[in-house]
Amino acid sequence: MATGSTKAVYAALFGNLGIAVTKFIAAALTGSASMWAESYHSASDTVNQILLLLGIKISKKSATSLHQFGFGKSQYFWSFIVATMIFGISGILSLQHGFSSLLGDSHHFENPVINYIVLAIALAFEGNALRIALNQFKTPITSRGEKIRLSSLYNEFKNSKDTSLLTVIVEDTAALLGIGIAIVGIFLTDITGNTVYDAVSSILIGILLMSFAFFLAKENRGLLLGEAISDKQNKEIINAVSAISEVDHVVTMKTMHLGPTSVLVGIEVNLIDGLDTDEIETITDEIESEIMKILPESNNDHIFVEIQR
């Protein structure tokens, strides 16, 4: 059974697949430029979900002699590819179709009722997919005992390293905004008979997609390059380790996300004088235990403690 971000990706996949087919049919029947833009959007979203699932599957592979810290970063790689696909496919095609219609190419527009029906259905599917993704997104907040507030949602979005789930949320949000833009453009064209509104809607959808794609690419780039844990987690670990009576002070600590939950931690501590080898080993285990309390889903093998004497 799919759980977590995988469940959100599957929900988005099945929703977008059905929506894409329906939108292409409606676009062909009505000639709407904004509907064509939405068709490209849903088609690329469908491919995107497949790539995200591929990234999630690969990330679960066991470590090898060549990849000794596992394959967790594959999620970041495929999420980065998804971001460039949104830009390269959906955004450019939407702009091309919009400008082509705006600058005088043949642009017939008929049967707007079909568009309204299809977009209403798409609105329901995308809204449900976003609801599922947001429910998964809220889980870490509630597990920490925090209340669901705008501030807690913002902090979670800012600090979350689960790019597959973030990508689904961003895609679904962009989809709902795109549908809204398309409805306005089609409605204005319908009541005025001027297809400029429909063409401009297609251009706006293209710009919207490129903006979201840039945001996703930037976030995944940072994680691919090696992003540290949040300042809050960093402070919690240092405070917890410093509270151990035998620890004089933490000399330095460096961290890097190897995946959404897997973290590489290298920490150097200075201990008090007079400790024997057995006591130092016990303290080292205690330091690792304190770190695992703050990073419970990480891998104990990825924690390296160095004792400065």
C-alpha atoms as a PDB file:
ATOM      1  CA  MET A   1       0.000   0.000   0.000  1.00  0.00           C
ATOM      2  CA  ALA A   2       1.345   3.425  -0.963  1.00  0.00           C
ATOM      3  CA  THR A   3       2.079   5.793   1.877  1.00  0.00           C
ATOM      4  CA  GLY A   4       3.593   9.232   2.400  1.00  0.00           C
ATOM      5  CA  SER A   5       4.818  11.071  -0.651  1.00  0.00           C
ATOM      6  CA  THR A   6       4.267   7.947  -2.816  1.00  0.00           C
ATOM      7  CA  LYS A   7       0.532   8.072  -2.099  1.00  0.00           C
ATOM      8  CA  ALA A   8       0.416  11.737  -3.076  1.00  0.00           C
ATOM      9  CA  VAL A   9       2.309  11.052  -6.317  1.00  0.00           C
ATOM     10  CA  TYR A  10      -0.024   8.178  -7.275  1.00  0.00           C
ATOM     11  CA  ALA A  11      -3.075  10.354  -6.619  1.00  0.00           C
ATOM     12  CA  ALA A  12      -1.641  13.088  -8.847  1.00  0.00           C
ATOM     13  CA  LEU A  13      -0.648  10.575 -11.541  1.00  0.00           C
ATOM     14  CA  PHE A  14      -4.063   8.989 -12.012  1.00  0.00           C
ATOM     15  CA  GLY A  15      -5.801  12.339 -11.805  1.00  0.00           C
ATOM     16  CA  ASN A  16      -3.528  14.005 -14.379  1.00  0.00           C
ATOM     17  CA  LEU A  17      -3.668  11.073 -16.796  1.00  0.00           C
ATOM     18  CA  GLY A  18      -7.446  11.225 -17.086  1.00  0.00           C
ATOM     19  CA  ILE A  19      -7.463  15.020 -17.145  1.00  0.00           C
ATOM     20  CA  ALA A  20      -4.814  15.202 -19.879  1.00  0.00           C
ATOM     21  CA  VAL A  21      -6.757  12.963 -22.254  1.00  0.00           C
ATOM     22  CA  THR A  22      -9.973  14.909 -21.642  1.00  0.00           C
ATOM     23  CA  LYS A  23      -8.271  18.290 -22.117  1.00  0.00           C
ATOM     24  CA  PHE A  24      -6.670  17.281 -25.425  1.00  0.00           C
ATOM     25  CA  ILE A  25     -10.061  16.171 -26.747  1.00  0.00           C
ATOM     26  CA  ALA A  26     -11.657  19.429 -25.603  1.00  0.00           C
ATOM     27  CA  ALA A  27      -8.825  21.497 -27.101  1.00  0.00           C
ATOM     28  CA  ALA A  28      -9.155  19.740 -30.453  1.00  0.00           C
ATOM     29  CA  LEU A  29     -12.932  20.237 -30.485  1.00  0.00           C
ATOM     30  CA  THR A  30     -12.968  23.892 -29.396  1.00  0.00           C
ATOM     31  CA  GLY A  31      -9.653  25.292 -30.667  1.00  0.00           C
ATOM     32  CA  SER A  32      -9.033  27.152 -27.411  1.00  0.00           C
ATOM     33  CA  ALA A  33      -5.396  28.248 -26.999  1.00  0.00           C
ATOM     34  CA  SER A  34      -5.667  28.229 -23.202  1.00  0.00           C
ATOM     35  CA  MET A  35      -7.150  24.724 -23.332  1.00  0.00           C
ATOM     36  CA  TRP A  36      -4.188  23.591 -25.426  1.00  0.00           C
ATOM     37  CA  ALA A  37      -1.901  25.122 -22.797  1.00  0.00           C
ATOM     38  CA  GLU A  38      -3.739  23.232 -20.073  1.00  0.00           C
ATOM     39  CA  SER A  39      -3.478  20.027 -22.124  1.00  0.00           C
ATOM     40  CA  TYR A  40       0.299  20.374 -22.354  1.00  0.00           C
ATOM     41  CA  HIS A  41       0.373  21.127 -18.649  1.00  0.00           C
ATOM     42  CA  SER A  42      -1.553  17.982 -17.640  1.00  0.00           C
ATOM     43  CA  ALA A  43       0.379  15.788 -20.086  1.00  0.00           C
ATOM     44  CA  SER A  44       3.737  16.886 -18.691  1.00  0.00           C
ATOM     45  CA  ASP A  45       2.420  16.516 -15.142  1.00  0.00           C
ATOM     46  CA  THR A  46       1.526  12.898 -15.935  1.00  0.00           C
ATOM     47  CA  VAL A  47       5.065  12.179 -17.145  1.00  0.00           C
ATOM     48  CA  ASN A  48       6.397  14.062 -14.138  1.00  0.00           C
ATOM     49  CA  GLN A  49       4.587  11.773 -11.690  1.00  0.00           C
ATOM     50  CA  ILE A  50       6.062   8.706 -13.398  1.00  0.00           C
ATOM     51  CA  LEU A  51       9.561  10.172 -13.031  1.00  0.00           C
ATOM     52  CA  LEU A  52       8.930  11.015  -9.367  1.00  0.00           C
ATOM     53  CA  LEU A  53       7.835   7.426  -8.709  1.00  0.00           C
ATOM     54  CA  LEU A  54      10.987   6.235 -10.467  1.00  0.00           C
ATOM     55  CA  GLY A  55      13.080   8.467  -8.207  1.00  0.00           C
ATOM     56  CA  ILE A  56      11.322   7.179  -5.073  1.00  0.00           C
ATOM     57  CA  LYS A  57      11.840   3.553  -6.156  1.00  0.00           C
ATOM     58  CA  ILE A  58      15.550   4.032  -6.912  1.00  0.00           C
ATOM     59  CA  SER A  59      16.096   5.899  -3.625  1.00  0.00           C
ATOM     60  CA  LYS A  60      15.094   2.756  -1.709  1.00  0.00           C
ATOM     61  CA  LYS A  61      17.870   0.629  -3.227  1.00  0.00           C
ATOM     62  CA  SER A  62      20.447  -0.677  -0.792  1.00  0.00           C
ATOM     63  CA  ALA A  63      23.891   0.885  -0.639  1.00  0.00           C
ATOM     64  CA  THR A  64      26.602  -0.592  -2.851  1.00  0.00           C
ATOM     65  CA  SER A  65      30.403  -0.440  -2.856  1.00  0.00           C
ATOM     66  CA  LEU A  66      30.137   2.327  -5.461  1.00  0.00           C
ATOM     67  CA  HIS A  67      27.321   4.229  -3.725  1.00  0.00           C
ATOM     68  CA  GLN A  68      28.149   3.604  -0.088  1.00  0.00           C
ATOM     69  CA  PHE A  69      25.615   6.092   1.295  1.00  0.00           C
ATOM     70  CA  GLY A  70      22.755   4.695  -0.762  1.00  0.00           C
ATOM     71  CA  PHE A  71      20.641   6.232  -3.524  1.00  0.00           C
ATOM     72  CA  GLY A  72      18.532   8.703  -1.544  1.00  0.00           C
ATOM     73  CA  LYS A  73      19.590  11.653  -3.708  1.00  0.00           C
ATOM     74  CA  SER A  74      17.943  10.066  -6.745  1.00  0.00           C
ATOM     75  CA  GLN A  75      14.720  11.726  -5.581  1.00  0.00           C
ATOM     76  CA  TYR A  76      16.409  15.117  -5.898  1.00  0.00           C
ATOM     77  CA  PHE A  77      17.770  14.290  -9.344  1.00  0.00           C
ATOM     78  CA  TRP A  78      14.435  13.160 -10.761  1.00  0.00           C
ATOM     79  CA  SER A  79      12.615  16.055  -9.091  1.00  0.00           C
ATOM     80  CA  PHE A  80      15.105  18.371 -10.818  1.00  0.00           C
ATOM     81  CA  ILE A  81      14.358  16.674 -14.151  1.00  0.00           C
ATOM     82  CA  VAL A  82      10.642  17.149 -13.461  1.00  0.00           C
ATOM     83  CA  ALA A  83      11.192  20.870 -12.886  1.00  0.00           C
ATOM     84  CA  THR A  84      13.033  21.264 -16.189  1.00  0.00           C
ATOM     85  CA  MET A  85      10.297  19.306 -17.967  1.00  0.00           C
ATOM     86  CA  ILE A  86       7.650  21.678 -16.640  1.00  0.00           C
ATOM     87  CA  PHE A  87       9.738  24.520 -18.038  1.00  0.00           C
ATOM     88  CA  GLY A  88      10.835  22.858 -21.262  1.00  0.00           C
ATOM     89  CA  ILE A  89       7.593  21.222 -22.308  1.00  0.00           C
ATOM     90  CA  SER A  90       4.575  22.821 -20.677  1.00  0.00           C
ATOM     91  CA  GLY A  91       5.883  26.380 -20.356  1.00  0.00           C
ATOM     92  CA  ILE A  92       7.380  26.774 -23.826  1.00  0.00           C
ATOM     93  CA  LEU A  93       4.508  25.031 -25.626  1.00  0.00           C
ATOM     94  CA  SER A  94       1.973  27.187 -23.768  1.00  0.00           C
ATOM     95  CA  LEU A  95       3.867  30.363 -24.686  1.00  0.00           C
ATOM     96  CA  GLN A  96       4.300  29.239 -28.287  1.00  0.00           C
ATOM     97  CA  HIS A  97       0.611  28.468 -28.709  1.00  0.00           C
ATOM     98  CA  GLY A  98      -0.429  31.694 -27.003  1.00  0.00           C
ATOM     99  CA  PHE A  99       1.862  33.965 -29.040  1.00  0.00           C
ATOM    100  CA  SER A 100       1.013  32.093 -32.230  1.00  0.00           C
ATOM    101  CA  SER A 101      -2.682  32.784 -31.658  1.00  0.00           C
ATOM    102  CA  LEU A 102      -2.065  36.352 -30.505  1.00  0.00           C
ATOM    103  CA  LEU A 103       0.052  37.288 -33.521  1.00  0.00           C
ATOM    104  CA  GLY A 104      -2.533  36.312 -36.078  1.00  0.00           C
ATOM    105  CA  ASP A 105      -2.238  32.613 -36.818  1.00  0.00           C
ATOM    106  CA  SER A 106      -5.474  30.736 -37.371  1.00  0.00           C
ATOM    107  CA  HIS A 107      -7.315  30.584 -34.085  1.00  0.00           C
ATOM    108  CA  HIS A 108     -10.822  29.187 -34.197  1.00  0.00           C
ATOM    109  CA  PHE A 109     -12.842  29.148 -30.996  1.00  0.00           C
ATOM    110  CA  GLU A 110     -16.120  27.301 -30.607  1.00  0.00           C
ATOM    111  CA  ASN A 111     -18.201  25.220 -28.210  1.00  0.00           C
ATOM    112  CA  PRO A 112     -16.887  26.893 -25.021  1.00  0.00           C
ATOM    113  CA  VAL A 113     -19.335  24.848 -22.938  1.00  0.00           C
ATOM    114  CA  ILE A 114     -17.135  21.794 -23.526  1.00  0.00           C
ATOM    115  CA  ASN A 115     -14.196  23.702 -22.044  1.00  0.00           C
ATOM    116  CA  TYR A 116     -16.200  24.740 -18.998  1.00  0.00           C
ATOM    117  CA  ILE A 117     -17.238  21.139 -18.302  1.00  0.00           C
ATOM    118  CA  VAL A 118     -13.737  19.730 -18.753  1.00  0.00           C
ATOM    119  CA  LEU A 119     -12.135  22.437 -16.625  1.00  0.00           C
ATOM    120  CA  ALA A 120     -14.717  21.919 -13.886  1.00  0.00           C
ATOM    121  CA  ILE A 121     -13.898  18.199 -13.827  1.00  0.00           C
ATOM    122  CA  ALA A 122     -10.172  18.990 -13.832  1.00  0.00           C
ATOM    123  CA  LEU A 123     -10.700  21.414 -10.956  1.00  0.00           C
ATOM    124  CA  ALA A 124     -12.271  18.639  -8.879  1.00  0.00           C
ATOM    125  CA  PHE A 125      -9.522  16.104  -9.653  1.00  0.00           C
ATOM    126  CA  GLU A 126      -6.671  18.538  -9.058  1.00  0.00           C
ATOM    127  CA  GLY A 127      -8.281  19.789  -5.864  1.00  0.00           C
ATOM    128  CA  ASN A 128      -8.556  16.240  -4.537  1.00  0.00           C
ATOM    129  CA  ALA A 129      -4.927  15.468  -5.466  1.00  0.00           C
ATOM    130  CA  LEU A 130      -3.789  18.623  -3.665  1.00  0.00           C
ATOM    131  CA  ARG A 131      -5.890  17.682  -0.619  1.00  0.00           C
ATOM    132  CA  ILE A 132      -4.175  14.278  -0.419  1.00  0.00           C
ATOM    133  CA  ALA A 133      -0.724  15.845  -0.822  1.00  0.00           C
ATOM    134  CA  LEU A 134      -1.430  18.452   1.870  1.00  0.00           C
ATOM    135  CA  ASN A 135      -2.653  15.772   4.284  1.00  0.00           C
ATOM    136  CA  GLN A 136       0.653  13.943   3.829  1.00  0.00           C
ATOM    137  CA  PHE A 137       2.508  17.245   4.158  1.00  0.00           C
ATOM    138  CA  LYS A 138       0.838  17.964   7.517  1.00  0.00           C
ATOM    139  CA  THR A 139       1.848  14.610   9.026  1.00  0.00           C
ATOM    140  CA  PRO A 140       5.334  15.684  10.246  1.00  0.00           C
ATOM    141  CA  ILE A 141       3.810  18.813  11.825  1.00  0.00           C
ATOM    142  CA  THR A 142       1.202  16.901  13.820  1.00  0.00           C
ATOM    143  CA  SER A 143       3.737  14.193  14.765  1.00  0.00           C
ATOM    144  CA  ARG A 144       5.807  16.906  16.451  1.00  0.00           C
ATOM    145  CA  GLY A 145       2.747  17.949  18.449  1.00  0.00           C
ATOM    146  CA  GLU A 146       2.409  21.275  16.639  1.00  0.00           C
ATOM    147  CA  LYS A 147      -0.874  22.815  15.588  1.00  0.00           C
ATOM    148  CA  ILE A 148      -1.622  23.298  11.905  1.00  0.00           C
ATOM    149  CA  ARG A 149      -1.170  27.014  11.378  1.00  0.00           C
ATOM    150  CA  LEU A 150      -0.049  29.122   8.455  1.00  0.00           C
ATOM    151  CA  SER A 151       3.306  29.670  10.175  1.00  0.00           C
ATOM    152  CA  SER A 152       3.866  25.938  10.812  1.00  0.00           C
ATOM    153  CA  LEU A 153       2.920  25.109   7.202  1.00  0.00           C
ATOM    154  CA  TYR A 154       5.318  27.762   5.915  1.00  0.00           C
ATOM    155  CA  ASN A 155       8.163  26.493   8.106  1.00  0.00           C
ATOM    156  CA  GLU A 156       7.534  22.908   7.039  1.00  0.00           C
ATOM    157  CA  PHE A 157       7.502  23.908   3.380  1.00  0.00           C
ATOM    158  CA  LYS A 158      10.713  25.866   3.873  1.00  0.00           C
ATOM    159  CA  ASN A 159      12.541  23.105   5.741  1.00  0.00           C
ATOM    160  CA  SER A 160      11.131  19.950   4.146  1.00  0.00           C
ATOM    161  CA  LYS A 161      13.589  17.863   2.122  1.00  0.00           C
ATOM    162  CA  ASP A 162      10.904  15.608   0.635  1.00  0.00           C
ATOM    163  CA  THR A 163      11.075  17.108  -2.843  1.00  0.00           C
ATOM    164  CA  SER A 164       8.735  14.503  -4.353  1.00  0.00           C
ATOM    165  CA  LEU A 165       5.927  15.652  -2.077  1.00  0.00           C
ATOM    166  CA  LEU A 166       6.847  19.322  -2.524  1.00  0.00           C
ATOM    167  CA  THR A 167       6.824  18.856  -6.298  1.00  0.00           C
ATOM    168  CA  VAL A 168       3.327  17.358  -6.202  1.00  0.00           C
ATOM    169  CA  ILE A 169       2.069  20.235  -4.048  1.00  0.00           C
ATOM    170  CA  VAL A 170       3.646  22.829  -6.358  1.00  0.00           C
ATOM    171  CA  GLU A 171       2.341  21.073  -9.482  1.00  0.00           C
ATOM    172  CA  ASP A 172      -1.195  20.762  -8.120  1.00  0.00           C
ATOM    173  CA  THR A 173      -1.178  24.391  -6.996  1.00  0.00           C
ATOM    174  CA  ALA A 174       0.052  25.483 -10.428  1.00  0.00           C
ATOM    175  CA  ALA A 175      -2.627  23.304 -12.013  1.00  0.00           C
ATOM    176  CA  LEU A 176      -5.421  24.941 -10.018  1.00  0.00           C
ATOM    177  CA  LEU A 177      -4.109  28.416 -10.817  1.00  0.00           C
ATOM    178  CA  GLY A 178      -3.762  27.450 -14.483  1.00  0.00           C
ATOM    179  CA  ILE A 179      -7.333  26.195 -14.581  1.00  0.00           C
ATOM    180  CA  GLY A 180      -8.504  29.475 -13.062  1.00  0.00           C
ATOM    181  CA  ILE A 181      -6.605  31.490 -15.687  1.00  0.00           C
ATOM    182  CA  ALA A 182      -7.993  29.308 -18.484  1.00  0.00           C
ATOM    183  CA  ILE A 183     -11.573  29.711 -17.249  1.00  0.00           C
ATOM    184  CA  VAL A 184     -11.227  33.506 -17.142  1.00  0.00           C
ATOM    185  CA  GLY A 185      -9.675  33.630 -20.621  1.00  0.00           C
ATOM    186  CA  ILE A 186     -12.289  31.335 -22.148  1.00  0.00           C
ATOM    187  CA  PHE A 187     -15.129  33.216 -20.440  1.00  0.00           C
ATOM    188  CA  LEU A 188     -13.921  36.629 -21.660  1.00  0.00           C
ATOM    189  CA  THR A 189     -13.488  35.283 -25.186  1.00  0.00           C
ATOM    190  CA  ASP A 190     -16.924  33.694 -25.005  1.00  0.00           C
ATOM    191  CA  ILE A 191     -18.746  36.898 -24.018  1.00  0.00           C
ATOM    192  CA  THR A 192     -16.725  39.299 -26.201  1.00  0.00           C
ATOM    193  CA  GLY A 193     -15.946  37.130 -29.209  1.00  0.00           C
ATOM    194  CA  ASN A 194     -12.330  38.358 -29.002  1.00  0.00           C
ATOM    195  CA  THR A 195      -9.829  35.452 -29.008  1.00  0.00           C
ATOM    196  CA  VAL A 196      -7.080  37.725 -27.650  1.00  0.00           C
ATOM    197  CA  TYR A 197      -8.216  36.895 -24.115  1.00  0.00           C
ATOM    198  CA  ASP A 198      -7.884  33.172 -24.795  1.00  0.00           C
ATOM    199  CA  ALA A 199      -4.401  33.656 -26.292  1.00  0.00           C
ATOM    200  CA  VAL A 200      -3.245  35.830 -23.384  1.00  0.00           C
ATOM    201  CA  SER A 201      -4.463  33.162 -20.944  1.00  0.00           C
ATOM    202  CA  SER A 202      -2.238  30.625 -22.686  1.00  0.00           C
ATOM    203  CA  ILE A 203       0.740  32.980 -22.328  1.00  0.00           C
ATOM    204  CA  LEU A 204      -0.014  33.579 -18.642  1.00  0.00           C
ATOM    205  CA  ILE A 205      -0.226  29.831 -18.023  1.00  0.00           C
ATOM    206  CA  GLY A 206       3.184  29.436 -19.679  1.00  0.00           C
ATOM    207  CA  ILE A 207       4.691  32.134 -17.471  1.00  0.00           C
ATOM    208  CA  LEU A 208       3.095  30.533 -14.397  1.00  0.00           C
ATOM    209  CA  LEU A 209       4.588  27.141 -15.232  1.00  0.00           C
ATOM    210  CA  MET A 210       8.049  28.601 -15.822  1.00  0.00           C
ATOM    211  CA  SER A 211       7.922  30.430 -12.494  1.00  0.00           C
ATOM    212  CA  PHE A 212       7.034  27.283 -10.567  1.00  0.00           C
ATOM    213  CA  ALA A 213       9.631  25.306 -12.535  1.00  0.00           C
ATOM    214  CA  PHE A 214      12.343  27.791 -11.567  1.00  0.00           C
ATOM    215  CA  PHE A 215      11.388  27.479  -7.902  1.00  0.00           C
ATOM    216  CA  LEU A 216      11.510  23.666  -8.004  1.00  0.00           C
ATOM    217  CA  ALA A 217      14.782  23.590  -9.929  1.00  0.00           C
ATOM    218  CA  LYS A 218      16.382  25.971  -7.417  1.00  0.00           C
ATOM    219  CA  GLU A 219      15.241  23.888  -4.430  1.00  0.00           C
ATOM    220  CA  ASN A 220      16.448  20.608  -5.933  1.00  0.00           C
ATOM    221  CA  ARG A 221      19.737  22.146  -7.043  1.00  0.00           C
ATOM    222  CA  GLY A 222      20.547  23.026  -3.444  1.00  0.00           C
ATOM    223  CA  LEU A 223      19.792  19.493  -2.262  1.00  0.00           C
ATOM    224  CA  LEU A 224      21.791  17.894  -5.083  1.00  0.00           C
ATOM    225  CA  LEU A 225      24.790  20.015  -4.155  1.00  0.00           C
ATOM    226  CA  GLY A 226      24.467  18.938  -0.525  1.00  0.00           C
ATOM    227  CA  GLU A 227      22.150  20.841   1.788  1.00  0.00           C
ATOM    228  CA  ALA A 228      22.519  20.787   5.567  1.00  0.00           C
ATOM    229  CA  ILE A 229      19.783  20.108   8.099  1.00  0.00           C
ATOM    230  CA  SER A 230      17.658  23.018   9.294  1.00  0.00           C
ATOM    231  CA  ASP A 231      19.038  25.555  11.777  1.00  0.00           C
ATOM    232  CA  LYS A 232      16.507  24.314  14.316  1.00  0.00           C
ATOM    233  CA  GLN A 233      17.669  20.704  14.060  1.00  0.00           C
ATOM    234  CA  ASN A 234      21.302  21.809  14.102  1.00  0.00           C
ATOM    235  CA  LYS A 235      20.746  23.748  17.341  1.00  0.00           C
ATOM    236  CA  GLU A 236      18.809  20.851  18.913  1.00  0.00           C
ATOM    237  CA  ILE A 237      21.635  18.390  18.213  1.00  0.00           C
ATOM    238  CA  ILE A 238      24.334  20.699  19.570  1.00  0.00           C
ATOM    239  CA  ASN A 239      22.298  21.416  22.708  1.00  0.00           C
ATOM    240  CA  ALA A 240      21.554  17.713  23.275  1.00  0.00           C
ATOM    241  CA  VAL A 241      25.181  16.659  22.841  1.00  0.00           C
ATOM    242  CA  SER A 242      26.467  19.556  24.947  1.00  0.00           C
ATOM    243  CA  ALA A 243      24.116  18.502  27.753  1.00  0.00           C
ATOM    244  CA  ILE A 244      25.972  15.196  28.167  1.00  0.00           C
ATOM    245  CA  SER A 245      27.962  15.666  31.361  1.00  0.00           C
ATOM    246  CA  GLU A 246      31.192  14.215  29.955  1.00  0.00           C
ATOM    247  CA  VAL A 247      31.120  16.523  26.918  1.00  0.00           C
ATOM    248  CA  ASP A 248      33.078  19.723  27.451  1.00  0.00           C
ATOM    249  CA  HIS A 249      31.889  21.333  24.214  1.00  0.00           C
ATOM    250  CA  VAL A 250      31.039  20.630  20.590  1.00  0.00           C
ATOM    251  CA  VAL A 251      34.001  21.643  18.425  1.00  0.00           C
ATOM    252  CA  THR A 252      32.262  21.449  15.042  1.00  0.00           C
ATOM    253  CA  MET A 253      29.436  19.691  13.245  1.00  0.00           C
ATOM    254  CA  LYS A 254      28.729  19.264   9.562  1.00  0.00           C
ATOM    255  CA  THR A 255      25.627  17.706   8.037  1.00  0.00           C
ATOM    256  CA  MET A 256      24.272  16.885   4.602  1.00  0.00           C
ATOM    257  CA  HIS A 257      20.976  15.432   3.426  1.00  0.00           C
ATOM    258  CA  LEU A 258      21.434  12.155   1.543  1.00  0.00           C
ATOM    259  CA  GLY A 259      17.684  11.929   1.019  1.00  0.00           C
ATOM    260  CA  PRO A 260      14.457  13.329   2.480  1.00  0.00           C
ATOM    261  CA  THR A 261      15.082  11.630   5.864  1.00  0.00           C
ATOM    262  CA  SER A 262      18.623  10.264   5.604  1.00  0.00           C
ATOM    263  CA  VAL A 263      21.315  12.629   6.904  1.00  0.00           C
ATOM    264  CA  LEU A 264      25.097  12.410   6.989  1.00  0.00           C
ATOM    265  CA  VAL A 265      26.368  13.806  10.306  1.00  0.00           C
ATOM    266  CA  GLY A 266      29.986  14.452  11.198  1.00  0.00           C
ATOM    267  CA  ILE A 267      30.480  15.835  14.691  1.00  0.00           C
ATOM    268  CA  GLU A 268      33.664  16.577  16.639  1.00  0.00           C
ATOM    269  CA  VAL A 269      33.438  16.971  20.420  1.00  0.00           C
ATOM    270  CA  ASN A 270      35.841  17.772  23.221  1.00  0.00           C
ATOM    271  CA  LEU A 271      35.469  15.648  26.345  1.00  0.00           C
ATOM    272  CA  ILE A 272      36.418  16.331  29.933  1.00  0.00           C
ATOM    273  CA  ASP A 273      39.741  15.010  31.212  1.00  0.00           C
ATOM    274  CA  GLY A 274      40.284  11.702  33.002  1.00  0.00           C
ATOM    275  CA  LEU A 275      38.114   9.383  30.868  1.00  0.00           C
ATOM    276  CA  ASP A 276      39.304   5.888  29.951  1.00  0.00           C
ATOM    277  CA  THR A 277      38.755   4.105  26.624  1.00  0.00           C
ATOM    278  CA  ASP A 278      35.594   2.265  27.712  1.00  0.00           C
ATOM    279  CA  GLU A 279      34.016   5.487  28.988  1.00  0.00           C
ATOM    280  CA  ILE A 280      34.825   7.265  25.725  1.00  0.00           C
ATOM    281  CA  GLU A 281      33.160   4.465  23.732  1.00  0.00           C
ATOM    282  CA  THR A 282      30.070   4.714  25.940  1.00  0.00           C
ATOM    283  CA  ILE A 283      29.894   8.485  25.461  1.00  0.00           C
ATOM    284  CA  THR A 284      30.307   8.087  21.702  1.00  0.00           C
ATOM    285  CA  ASP A 285      27.306   5.728  21.649  1.00  0.00           C
ATOM    286  CA  GLU A 286      25.340   8.220  23.769  1.00  0.00           C
ATOM    287  CA  ILE A 287      26.131  11.045  21.336  1.00  0.00           C
ATOM    288  CA  GLU A 288      24.905   8.913  18.435  1.00  0.00           C
ATOM    289  CA  SER A 289      21.760   8.070  20.415  1.00  0.00           C
ATOM    290  CA  GLU A 290      21.028  11.764  21.084  1.00  0.00           C
ATOM    291  CA  ILE A 291      21.439  12.581  17.389  1.00  0.00           C
ATOM    292  CA  MET A 292      19.103   9.739  16.404  1.00  0.00           C
ATOM    293  CA  LYS A 293      16.436  11.113  18.750  1.00  0.00           C
ATOM    294  CA  ILE A 294      16.415  14.329  16.715  1.00  0.00           C
ATOM    295  CA  LEU A 295      16.835  12.563  13.351  1.00  0.00           C
ATOM    296  CA  PRO A 296      14.845   9.358  14.072  1.00  0.00           C
ATOM    297  CA  GLU A 297      14.374   8.326  10.434  1.00  0.00           C
ATOM    298  CA  SER A 298      18.032   8.689   9.540  1.00  0.00           C
ATOM    299  CA  ASN A 299      20.634   5.903   9.436  1.00  0.00           C
ATOM    300  CA  ASN A 300      22.841   5.352  12.454  1.00  0.00           C
ATOM    301  CA  ASP A 301      25.659   4.257  10.122  1.00  0.00           C
ATOM    302  CA  HIS A 302      25.727   7.780   8.672  1.00  0.00           C
ATOM    303  CA  ILE A 303      26.718   9.378  11.997  1.00  0.00           C
ATOM    304  CA  PHE A 304      30.428   9.881  12.575  1.00  0.00           C
ATOM    305  CA  VAL A 305      31.669  11.055  15.972  1.00  0.00           C
ATOM    306  CA  GLU A 306      35.236  12.274  16.381  1.00  0.00           C
ATOM    307  CA  ILE A 307      36.658  12.796  19.846  1.00  0.00           C
ATOM    308  CA  GLN A 308      39.107  15.629  20.403  1.00  0.00           C
ATOM    309  CA  ARG A 309      41.346  14.978  23.403  1.00  0.00           C
END
